[in-house]
Amino acid sequence: MLIGLNAKLVGNIALVDKNINHVSVITIVHWMLNGKKDRKWGIFPKPGVSDNTIASADKFGHPIKEALMVSDFSTLQEKLNDLDASKISNVLVQMDKRGNMLFSKWANLIKKKGNQGDPARKKWLRLFNYYLIFAIWLIAPIVFIVFLLTYIPMYRKIQRENKYYASVAYKE
């Protein structure tokens, strides 16, 4: 979208949910189904990015203000990264890549099954729901184990990806 608008990305800040993946799944589903950002059963953390993480985001204001004052954004991302603006979870990157690919296949399949409200489409949506539960609770841990087993042989590629995701570069 930025390229289409002839805009230039000069800085990237990612505030993330720091809970382990399965805890996040439970809390976010609870939030989605109830519409309340509260603690499920009083034992899980609040879903999404924590209030502390959001409150501490003001630390990014100083380098942004500096860059704006001198109209020089050439080192902004580097300064933001020094403040942990874009920490990369390699295993989540791998899970997201796999998940996006599979989600696209499911979305295209479900689109072909009719319009909203069609019984055939509802059946496929229900099937996707079961698949999603299976993928999150059974496939994701396997992806994590495969990631750990392939980390050393894939180290250079992972480092290149980390550098890319912590930058403001575009993949063509």
N, C-alpha and C. Protein backbone atom coordinates (compact mmCIF):
# COMPACT_ATOMS: atom_id res chain seq x y z
N MET A 1 0.83 -1.19 0.00
CA MET A 1 0.00 0.00 0.00
C MET A 1 0.87 1.25 0.00
N LEU A 2 1.96 1.21 0.78
CA LEU A 2 2.84 2.37 0.84
C LEU A 2 3.45 2.66 -0.52
N ILE A 3 3.91 1.62 -1.21
CA ILE A 3 4.50 1.80 -2.54
C ILE A 3 3.46 2.40 -3.48
N GLY A 4 2.24 1.90 -3.42
CA GLY A 4 1.17 2.40 -4.27
C GLY A 4 0.86 3.86 -4.02
N LEU A 5 1.12 4.34 -2.84
CA LEU A 5 0.89 5.75 -2.49
C LEU A 5 2.15 6.60 -2.63
N ASN A 6 3.22 6.00 -3.14
CA ASN A 6 4.52 6.66 -3.24
C ASN A 6 5.02 7.16 -1.89
N ALA A 7 4.66 6.42 -0.84
CA ALA A 7 5.10 6.76 0.50
C ALA A 7 6.39 5.99 0.80
N LYS A 8 7.14 6.48 1.77
CA LYS A 8 8.37 5.81 2.16
C LYS A 8 8.29 5.44 3.64
N LEU A 9 8.42 4.16 3.91
CA LEU A 9 8.43 3.69 5.29
C LEU A 9 9.74 4.10 5.94
N VAL A 10 9.68 4.84 7.04
CA VAL A 10 10.90 5.32 7.69
C VAL A 10 11.11 4.73 9.08
N GLY A 11 10.09 4.06 9.60
CA GLY A 11 10.24 3.46 10.93
C GLY A 11 9.15 2.44 11.18
N ASN A 12 9.51 1.43 11.94
CA ASN A 12 8.59 0.34 12.23
C ASN A 12 8.69 0.02 13.71
N ILE A 13 7.55 0.02 14.36
CA ILE A 13 7.47 -0.33 15.78
C ILE A 13 6.42 -1.42 15.90
N ALA A 14 6.77 -2.53 16.52
CA ALA A 14 5.83 -3.63 16.69
C ALA A 14 5.62 -3.89 18.18
N LEU A 15 4.44 -3.59 18.66
CA LEU A 15 4.07 -3.94 20.03
C LEU A 15 3.42 -5.31 19.97
N VAL A 16 3.94 -6.25 20.72
CA VAL A 16 3.47 -7.63 20.60
C VAL A 16 3.01 -8.20 21.94
N ASP A 17 2.15 -9.20 21.82
CA ASP A 17 1.72 -9.99 22.97
C ASP A 17 2.90 -10.86 23.37
N LYS A 18 3.38 -10.72 24.59
CA LYS A 18 4.58 -11.43 25.02
C LYS A 18 4.29 -12.77 25.69
N ASN A 19 3.02 -13.17 25.71
CA ASN A 19 2.67 -14.47 26.29
C ASN A 19 3.02 -15.59 25.31
N ILE A 20 3.16 -16.80 25.85
CA ILE A 20 3.43 -17.92 24.95
C ILE A 20 2.22 -18.12 24.05
N ASN A 21 2.46 -18.69 22.88
CA ASN A 21 1.47 -18.78 21.83
C ASN A 21 0.15 -19.40 22.28
N HIS A 22 0.19 -20.50 22.99
CA HIS A 22 -1.05 -21.18 23.38
C HIS A 22 -1.85 -20.38 24.40
N VAL A 23 -1.16 -19.66 25.29
CA VAL A 23 -1.87 -18.79 26.23
C VAL A 23 -2.54 -17.66 25.45
N SER A 24 -1.83 -17.10 24.48
CA SER A 24 -2.40 -16.03 23.65
C SER A 24 -3.63 -16.51 22.90
N VAL A 25 -3.59 -17.73 22.38
CA VAL A 25 -4.75 -18.27 21.66
C VAL A 25 -5.96 -18.30 22.58
N ILE A 26 -5.79 -18.82 23.78
CA ILE A 26 -6.90 -18.92 24.73
C ILE A 26 -7.44 -17.53 25.06
N THR A 27 -6.55 -16.58 25.36
CA THR A 27 -7.01 -15.26 25.79
C THR A 27 -7.63 -14.47 24.64
N ILE A 28 -7.09 -14.59 23.45
CA ILE A 28 -7.62 -13.83 22.31
C ILE A 28 -8.97 -14.40 21.87
N VAL A 29 -9.11 -15.71 21.87
CA VAL A 29 -10.41 -16.31 21.54
C VAL A 29 -11.45 -15.86 22.57
N HIS A 30 -11.07 -15.86 23.84
CA HIS A 30 -11.97 -15.39 24.91
C HIS A 30 -12.39 -13.94 24.63
N TRP A 31 -11.45 -13.10 24.26
CA TRP A 31 -11.71 -11.69 23.96
C TRP A 31 -12.63 -11.57 22.74
N MET A 32 -12.34 -12.34 21.68
CA MET A 32 -13.15 -12.28 20.46
C MET A 32 -14.59 -12.71 20.72
N LEU A 33 -14.76 -13.78 21.50
CA LEU A 33 -16.10 -14.32 21.70
C LEU A 33 -16.92 -13.51 22.71
N ASN A 34 -16.25 -12.86 23.66
CA ASN A 34 -16.97 -12.12 24.69
C ASN A 34 -16.94 -10.61 24.50
N GLY A 35 -16.01 -10.13 23.68
CA GLY A 35 -15.90 -8.69 23.46
C GLY A 35 -15.36 -7.94 24.65
N LYS A 36 -14.81 -8.66 25.63
CA LYS A 36 -14.26 -8.02 26.83
C LYS A 36 -12.78 -8.37 26.95
N LYS A 37 -11.96 -7.35 27.18
CA LYS A 37 -10.53 -7.58 27.33
C LYS A 37 -10.23 -7.80 28.82
N ASP A 38 -10.73 -8.93 29.32
CA ASP A 38 -10.50 -9.24 30.73
C ASP A 38 -9.80 -10.59 30.86
N ARG A 39 -9.47 -10.94 32.09
CA ARG A 39 -8.73 -12.18 32.36
C ARG A 39 -9.68 -13.36 32.39
N LYS A 40 -9.47 -14.31 31.49
CA LYS A 40 -10.32 -15.51 31.46
C LYS A 40 -10.14 -16.27 32.78
N TRP A 41 -11.24 -16.58 33.41
CA TRP A 41 -11.31 -17.32 34.67
C TRP A 41 -10.48 -16.67 35.78
N GLY A 42 -10.04 -15.46 35.58
CA GLY A 42 -9.23 -14.77 36.57
C GLY A 42 -7.82 -15.29 36.71
N ILE A 43 -7.43 -16.25 35.86
CA ILE A 43 -6.08 -16.82 35.98
C ILE A 43 -5.19 -16.50 34.78
N PHE A 44 -5.79 -16.30 33.60
CA PHE A 44 -5.00 -15.99 32.42
C PHE A 44 -4.72 -14.49 32.38
N PRO A 45 -3.67 -14.07 31.69
CA PRO A 45 -3.43 -12.64 31.54
C PRO A 45 -4.48 -12.03 30.62
N LYS A 46 -4.57 -10.70 30.63
CA LYS A 46 -5.46 -10.03 29.69
C LYS A 46 -4.97 -10.34 28.27
N PRO A 47 -5.89 -10.42 27.31
CA PRO A 47 -5.49 -10.74 25.94
C PRO A 47 -4.77 -9.58 25.25
N GLY A 48 -3.98 -9.93 24.26
CA GLY A 48 -3.34 -8.93 23.42
C GLY A 48 -2.10 -8.32 24.05
N VAL A 49 -1.73 -7.17 23.53
CA VAL A 49 -0.56 -6.44 24.01
C VAL A 49 -0.87 -5.92 25.41
N SER A 50 0.06 -6.11 26.34
CA SER A 50 -0.19 -5.72 27.73
C SER A 50 -0.24 -4.20 27.89
N ASP A 51 -0.94 -3.77 28.92
CA ASP A 51 -1.03 -2.34 29.22
C ASP A 51 0.36 -1.75 29.48
N ASN A 52 1.24 -2.53 30.16
CA ASN A 52 2.61 -2.06 30.43
C ASN A 52 3.38 -1.83 29.14
N THR A 53 3.24 -2.76 28.18
CA THR A 53 3.94 -2.62 26.90
C THR A 53 3.44 -1.36 26.17
N ILE A 54 2.14 -1.15 26.19
CA ILE A 54 1.58 0.03 25.54
C ILE A 54 2.07 1.30 26.24
N ALA A 55 2.03 1.31 27.57
CA ALA A 55 2.47 2.49 28.33
C ALA A 55 3.94 2.80 28.10
N SER A 56 4.76 1.76 27.91
CA SER A 56 6.19 2.00 27.73
C SER A 56 6.54 2.40 26.30
N ALA A 57 5.58 2.45 25.40
CA ALA A 57 5.83 2.82 24.01
C ALA A 57 6.22 4.29 23.87
N ASP A 58 6.01 5.08 24.92
CA ASP A 58 6.40 6.48 24.83
C ASP A 58 7.91 6.66 24.65
N LYS A 59 8.68 5.61 24.94
CA LYS A 59 10.15 5.68 24.78
C LYS A 59 10.53 5.89 23.31
N PHE A 60 9.63 5.58 22.38
CA PHE A 60 9.92 5.76 20.96
C PHE A 60 9.71 7.20 20.51
N GLY A 61 9.05 7.98 21.34
CA GLY A 61 8.74 9.36 20.97
C GLY A 61 9.97 10.23 20.75
N HIS A 62 10.99 10.10 21.57
CA HIS A 62 12.18 10.97 21.47
C HIS A 62 12.90 10.81 20.13
N PRO A 63 13.26 9.57 19.71
CA PRO A 63 13.93 9.47 18.41
C PRO A 63 13.03 9.90 17.23
N ILE A 64 11.73 9.68 17.35
CA ILE A 64 10.82 10.12 16.29
C ILE A 64 10.80 11.64 16.23
N LYS A 65 10.70 12.28 17.39
CA LYS A 65 10.70 13.74 17.44
C LYS A 65 11.99 14.30 16.87
N GLU A 66 13.14 13.70 17.25
CA GLU A 66 14.43 14.14 16.72
C GLU A 66 14.46 14.09 15.20
N ALA A 67 14.01 12.96 14.64
CA ALA A 67 14.00 12.79 13.19
C ALA A 67 13.08 13.82 12.52
N LEU A 68 11.93 14.06 13.11
CA LEU A 68 11.00 15.04 12.56
C LEU A 68 11.57 16.45 12.59
N MET A 69 12.25 16.79 13.68
CA MET A 69 12.78 18.15 13.85
C MET A 69 13.84 18.49 12.80
N VAL A 70 14.63 17.50 12.40
CA VAL A 70 15.70 17.76 11.42
C VAL A 70 15.35 17.21 10.03
N SER A 71 14.16 16.65 9.89
CA SER A 71 13.72 16.03 8.63
C SER A 71 14.74 15.04 8.08
N ASP A 72 15.30 14.23 8.97
CA ASP A 72 16.26 13.19 8.57
C ASP A 72 15.83 11.88 9.22
N PHE A 73 15.34 10.96 8.39
CA PHE A 73 14.84 9.69 8.89
C PHE A 73 15.78 8.54 8.58
N SER A 74 16.98 8.84 8.10
CA SER A 74 17.90 7.80 7.62
C SER A 74 18.35 6.85 8.71
N THR A 75 18.39 7.29 9.95
CA THR A 75 18.83 6.41 11.05
C THR A 75 17.72 6.13 12.05
N LEU A 76 16.50 6.54 11.71
CA LEU A 76 15.39 6.38 12.67
C LEU A 76 15.16 4.92 13.04
N GLN A 77 15.08 4.02 12.05
CA GLN A 77 14.80 2.62 12.38
C GLN A 77 15.89 2.04 13.27
N GLU A 78 17.13 2.38 13.00
CA GLU A 78 18.23 1.89 13.83
C GLU A 78 18.07 2.36 15.28
N LYS A 79 17.70 3.62 15.46
CA LYS A 79 17.49 4.15 16.81
C LYS A 79 16.28 3.49 17.48
N LEU A 80 15.23 3.24 16.71
CA LEU A 80 14.07 2.55 17.26
C LEU A 80 14.43 1.11 17.65
N ASN A 81 15.22 0.44 16.81
CA ASN A 81 15.64 -0.93 17.12
C ASN A 81 16.49 -0.98 18.38
N ASP A 82 17.29 0.04 18.61
CA ASP A 82 18.08 0.10 19.85
C ASP A 82 17.17 0.13 21.08
N LEU A 83 15.94 0.56 20.88
CA LEU A 83 14.94 0.58 21.96
C LEU A 83 13.99 -0.61 21.88
N ASP A 84 14.38 -1.65 21.13
CA ASP A 84 13.58 -2.87 20.96
C ASP A 84 12.24 -2.64 20.28
N ALA A 85 12.26 -1.84 19.22
CA ALA A 85 11.03 -1.53 18.48
C ALA A 85 10.53 -2.70 17.65
N SER A 86 11.42 -3.59 17.26
CA SER A 86 10.97 -4.69 16.40
C SER A 86 11.73 -5.97 16.71
N LYS A 87 11.44 -6.51 17.89
CA LYS A 87 12.03 -7.80 18.25
C LYS A 87 11.37 -8.90 17.43
N ILE A 88 12.18 -9.80 16.92
CA ILE A 88 11.69 -10.84 16.03
C ILE A 88 11.63 -12.17 16.76
N SER A 89 10.47 -12.85 16.67
CA SER A 89 10.35 -14.22 17.15
C SER A 89 10.42 -15.12 15.93
N ASN A 90 11.58 -15.73 15.72
CA ASN A 90 11.78 -16.54 14.52
C ASN A 90 10.76 -17.66 14.39
N VAL A 91 10.41 -18.29 15.48
CA VAL A 91 9.46 -19.40 15.40
C VAL A 91 8.07 -18.87 15.01
N LEU A 92 7.69 -17.69 15.49
CA LEU A 92 6.40 -17.13 15.10
C LEU A 92 6.40 -16.70 13.64
N VAL A 93 7.55 -16.22 13.14
CA VAL A 93 7.65 -15.89 11.73
C VAL A 93 7.38 -17.14 10.89
N GLN A 94 7.99 -18.26 11.28
CA GLN A 94 7.79 -19.51 10.53
C GLN A 94 6.33 -19.97 10.62
N MET A 95 5.74 -19.88 11.81
CA MET A 95 4.34 -20.29 11.97
C MET A 95 3.42 -19.38 11.16
N ASP A 96 3.71 -18.07 11.16
CA ASP A 96 2.88 -17.14 10.39
C ASP A 96 2.98 -17.41 8.90
N LYS A 97 4.18 -17.68 8.42
CA LYS A 97 4.34 -17.99 6.99
C LYS A 97 3.50 -19.20 6.61
N ARG A 98 3.63 -20.27 7.39
CA ARG A 98 2.88 -21.50 7.11
C ARG A 98 1.38 -21.23 7.26
N GLY A 99 1.01 -20.53 8.33
CA GLY A 99 -0.40 -20.23 8.57
C GLY A 99 -1.01 -19.38 7.48
N ASN A 100 -0.29 -18.37 6.99
CA ASN A 100 -0.81 -17.51 5.92
C ASN A 100 -1.04 -18.31 4.64
N MET A 101 -0.10 -19.21 4.34
CA MET A 101 -0.24 -20.03 3.14
C MET A 101 -1.49 -20.92 3.25
N LEU A 102 -1.63 -21.58 4.39
CA LEU A 102 -2.77 -22.48 4.58
C LEU A 102 -4.09 -21.71 4.68
N PHE A 103 -4.05 -20.55 5.34
CA PHE A 103 -5.27 -19.74 5.46
C PHE A 103 -5.76 -19.31 4.07
N SER A 104 -4.83 -18.92 3.19
CA SER A 104 -5.21 -18.52 1.83
C SER A 104 -5.89 -19.67 1.09
N LYS A 105 -5.35 -20.88 1.25
CA LYS A 105 -5.95 -22.04 0.59
C LYS A 105 -7.37 -22.28 1.12
N TRP A 106 -7.53 -22.22 2.44
CA TRP A 106 -8.85 -22.41 3.03
C TRP A 106 -9.81 -21.31 2.58
N ALA A 107 -9.34 -20.05 2.58
CA ALA A 107 -10.20 -18.92 2.20
C ALA A 107 -10.69 -19.09 0.77
N ASN A 108 -9.80 -19.46 -0.13
CA ASN A 108 -10.19 -19.65 -1.53
C ASN A 108 -11.17 -20.81 -1.66
N LEU A 109 -10.94 -21.89 -0.94
CA LEU A 109 -11.84 -23.04 -0.96
C LEU A 109 -13.23 -22.64 -0.46
N ILE A 110 -13.28 -21.93 0.66
CA ILE A 110 -14.57 -21.54 1.25
C ILE A 110 -15.31 -20.55 0.34
N LYS A 111 -14.57 -19.64 -0.29
CA LYS A 111 -15.20 -18.68 -1.22
C LYS A 111 -15.91 -19.41 -2.36
N LYS A 112 -15.33 -20.50 -2.82
CA LYS A 112 -15.91 -21.26 -3.93
C LYS A 112 -17.16 -22.03 -3.51
N LYS A 113 -17.40 -22.15 -2.22
CA LYS A 113 -18.51 -22.96 -1.73
C LYS A 113 -19.81 -22.19 -1.59
N GLY A 114 -19.88 -21.00 -2.14
CA GLY A 114 -21.13 -20.25 -2.11
C GLY A 114 -21.02 -18.96 -1.33
N ASN A 115 -22.16 -18.28 -1.25
CA ASN A 115 -22.22 -16.99 -0.56
C ASN A 115 -22.48 -17.19 0.93
N GLN A 116 -22.34 -16.10 1.65
CA GLN A 116 -22.61 -16.16 3.08
C GLN A 116 -24.03 -16.66 3.31
N GLY A 117 -24.17 -17.54 4.27
CA GLY A 117 -25.47 -18.08 4.58
C GLY A 117 -25.79 -19.40 3.89
N ASP A 118 -25.06 -19.72 2.83
CA ASP A 118 -25.27 -21.00 2.14
C ASP A 118 -24.90 -22.16 3.06
N PRO A 119 -25.75 -23.20 3.14
CA PRO A 119 -25.45 -24.33 4.01
C PRO A 119 -24.10 -25.00 3.69
N ALA A 120 -23.76 -25.10 2.41
CA ALA A 120 -22.48 -25.73 2.04
C ALA A 120 -21.31 -24.91 2.57
N ARG A 121 -21.44 -23.60 2.48
CA ARG A 121 -20.36 -22.72 2.97
C ARG A 121 -20.25 -22.83 4.49
N LYS A 122 -21.39 -22.88 5.17
CA LYS A 122 -21.39 -23.02 6.64
C LYS A 122 -20.68 -24.31 7.05
N LYS A 123 -20.92 -25.38 6.31
CA LYS A 123 -20.27 -26.65 6.60
C LYS A 123 -18.75 -26.51 6.49
N TRP A 124 -18.29 -25.84 5.43
CA TRP A 124 -16.85 -25.66 5.24
C TRP A 124 -16.25 -24.72 6.29
N LEU A 125 -17.01 -23.72 6.71
CA LEU A 125 -16.53 -22.83 7.78
C LEU A 125 -16.38 -23.60 9.10
N ARG A 126 -17.35 -24.48 9.36
CA ARG A 126 -17.27 -25.31 10.56
C ARG A 126 -16.05 -26.23 10.49
N LEU A 127 -15.82 -26.82 9.32
CA LEU A 127 -14.66 -27.68 9.11
C LEU A 127 -13.36 -26.89 9.31
N PHE A 128 -13.33 -25.65 8.79
CA PHE A 128 -12.15 -24.80 8.98
C PHE A 128 -11.92 -24.52 10.46
N ASN A 129 -12.99 -24.29 11.18
CA ASN A 129 -12.88 -24.04 12.62
C ASN A 129 -12.21 -25.22 13.32
N TYR A 130 -12.64 -26.43 12.99
CA TYR A 130 -12.01 -27.62 13.59
C TYR A 130 -10.56 -27.76 13.16
N TYR A 131 -10.29 -27.46 11.88
CA TYR A 131 -8.92 -27.51 11.39
C TYR A 131 -8.05 -26.52 12.16
N LEU A 132 -8.57 -25.31 12.39
CA LEU A 132 -7.81 -24.27 13.09
C LEU A 132 -7.44 -24.71 14.50
N ILE A 133 -8.39 -25.30 15.19
CA ILE A 133 -8.11 -25.81 16.54
C ILE A 133 -7.03 -26.89 16.47
N PHE A 134 -7.16 -27.81 15.54
CA PHE A 134 -6.17 -28.86 15.34
C PHE A 134 -4.80 -28.27 15.02
N ALA A 135 -4.76 -27.27 14.12
CA ALA A 135 -3.49 -26.67 13.70
C ALA A 135 -2.81 -25.95 14.87
N ILE A 136 -3.57 -25.21 15.63
CA ILE A 136 -2.99 -24.44 16.74
C ILE A 136 -2.47 -25.35 17.83
N TRP A 137 -3.23 -26.36 18.19
CA TRP A 137 -2.86 -27.19 19.33
C TRP A 137 -1.97 -28.37 18.99
N LEU A 138 -1.99 -28.83 17.74
CA LEU A 138 -1.16 -30.00 17.39
C LEU A 138 -0.08 -29.70 16.35
N ILE A 139 -0.43 -28.96 15.30
CA ILE A 139 0.55 -28.70 14.26
C ILE A 139 1.58 -27.65 14.69
N ALA A 140 1.13 -26.59 15.37
CA ALA A 140 2.05 -25.53 15.79
C ALA A 140 3.20 -26.07 16.65
N PRO A 141 2.96 -26.95 17.62
CA PRO A 141 4.09 -27.49 18.38
C PRO A 141 5.06 -28.30 17.50
N ILE A 142 4.53 -28.97 16.49
CA ILE A 142 5.40 -29.72 15.57
C ILE A 142 6.25 -28.75 14.76
N VAL A 143 5.64 -27.65 14.29
CA VAL A 143 6.40 -26.63 13.56
C VAL A 143 7.52 -26.08 14.45
N PHE A 144 7.22 -25.88 15.72
CA PHE A 144 8.23 -25.39 16.67
C PHE A 144 9.39 -26.38 16.78
N ILE A 145 9.08 -27.66 16.89
CA ILE A 145 10.14 -28.68 17.00
C ILE A 145 10.96 -28.74 15.72
N VAL A 146 10.30 -28.68 14.57
CA VAL A 146 11.02 -28.67 13.29
C VAL A 146 11.91 -27.43 13.20
N PHE A 147 11.39 -26.28 13.65
CA PHE A 147 12.19 -25.06 13.65
C PHE A 147 13.45 -25.26 14.49
N LEU A 148 13.30 -25.82 15.68
CA LEU A 148 14.47 -26.05 16.54
C LEU A 148 15.47 -27.00 15.88
N LEU A 149 14.98 -28.05 15.24
CA LEU A 149 15.86 -29.03 14.60
C LEU A 149 16.60 -28.45 13.38
N THR A 150 15.99 -27.48 12.73
CA THR A 150 16.60 -26.91 11.52
C THR A 150 17.28 -25.57 11.78
N TYR A 151 17.30 -25.12 13.02
CA TYR A 151 17.84 -23.79 13.33
C TYR A 151 19.29 -23.63 12.88
N ILE A 152 20.15 -24.57 13.23
CA ILE A 152 21.57 -24.43 12.89
C ILE A 152 21.77 -24.44 11.37
N PRO A 153 21.21 -25.41 10.62
CA PRO A 153 21.42 -25.35 9.17
C PRO A 153 20.79 -24.11 8.51
N MET A 154 19.76 -23.57 9.11
CA MET A 154 19.06 -22.41 8.53
C MET A 154 19.51 -21.08 9.15
N TYR A 155 20.55 -21.11 9.97
CA TYR A 155 20.96 -19.94 10.75
C TYR A 155 21.15 -18.69 9.88
N ARG A 156 21.90 -18.81 8.78
CA ARG A 156 22.17 -17.64 7.93
C ARG A 156 20.88 -17.06 7.34
N LYS A 157 20.00 -17.95 6.88
CA LYS A 157 18.73 -17.48 6.32
C LYS A 157 17.90 -16.78 7.41
N ILE A 158 17.87 -17.35 8.59
CA ILE A 158 17.12 -16.76 9.70
C ILE A 158 17.68 -15.38 10.03
N GLN A 159 19.01 -15.24 10.04
CA GLN A 159 19.63 -13.93 10.33
C GLN A 159 19.28 -12.91 9.25
N ARG A 160 19.25 -13.34 7.98
CA ARG A 160 18.85 -12.42 6.90
C ARG A 160 17.40 -11.98 7.09
N GLU A 161 16.55 -12.93 7.45
CA GLU A 161 15.15 -12.57 7.69
C GLU A 161 15.02 -11.62 8.88
N ASN A 162 15.76 -11.88 9.94
CA ASN A 162 15.72 -10.98 11.10
C ASN A 162 16.11 -9.57 10.70
N LYS A 163 17.17 -9.46 9.90
CA LYS A 163 17.64 -8.15 9.45
C LYS A 163 16.55 -7.47 8.62
N TYR A 164 15.91 -8.23 7.74
CA TYR A 164 14.84 -7.67 6.92
C TYR A 164 13.67 -7.20 7.78
N TYR A 165 13.20 -8.05 8.69
CA TYR A 165 12.03 -7.70 9.50
C TYR A 165 12.31 -6.56 10.48
N ALA A 166 13.57 -6.33 10.81
CA ALA A 166 13.94 -5.23 11.70
C ALA A 166 14.31 -3.98 10.91
N SER A 167 13.99 -3.97 9.61
CA SER A 167 14.36 -2.84 8.76
C SER A 167 13.11 -2.19 8.19
N VAL A 168 13.35 -1.21 7.35
CA VAL A 168 12.25 -0.56 6.63
C VAL A 168 12.35 -0.85 5.13
N ALA A 169 13.03 -1.94 4.80
CA ALA A 169 13.18 -2.34 3.40
C ALA A 169 11.92 -3.02 2.90
N TYR A 170 11.78 -3.09 1.59
CA TYR A 170 10.65 -3.76 0.96
C TYR A 170 11.14 -5.01 0.25
N LYS A 171 10.35 -6.06 0.31
CA LYS A 171 10.62 -7.24 -0.52
C LYS A 171 9.87 -7.04 -1.82
N GLU A 172 10.57 -7.16 -2.91
CA GLU A 172 9.93 -6.99 -4.23
C GLU A 172 9.31 -8.30 -4.65
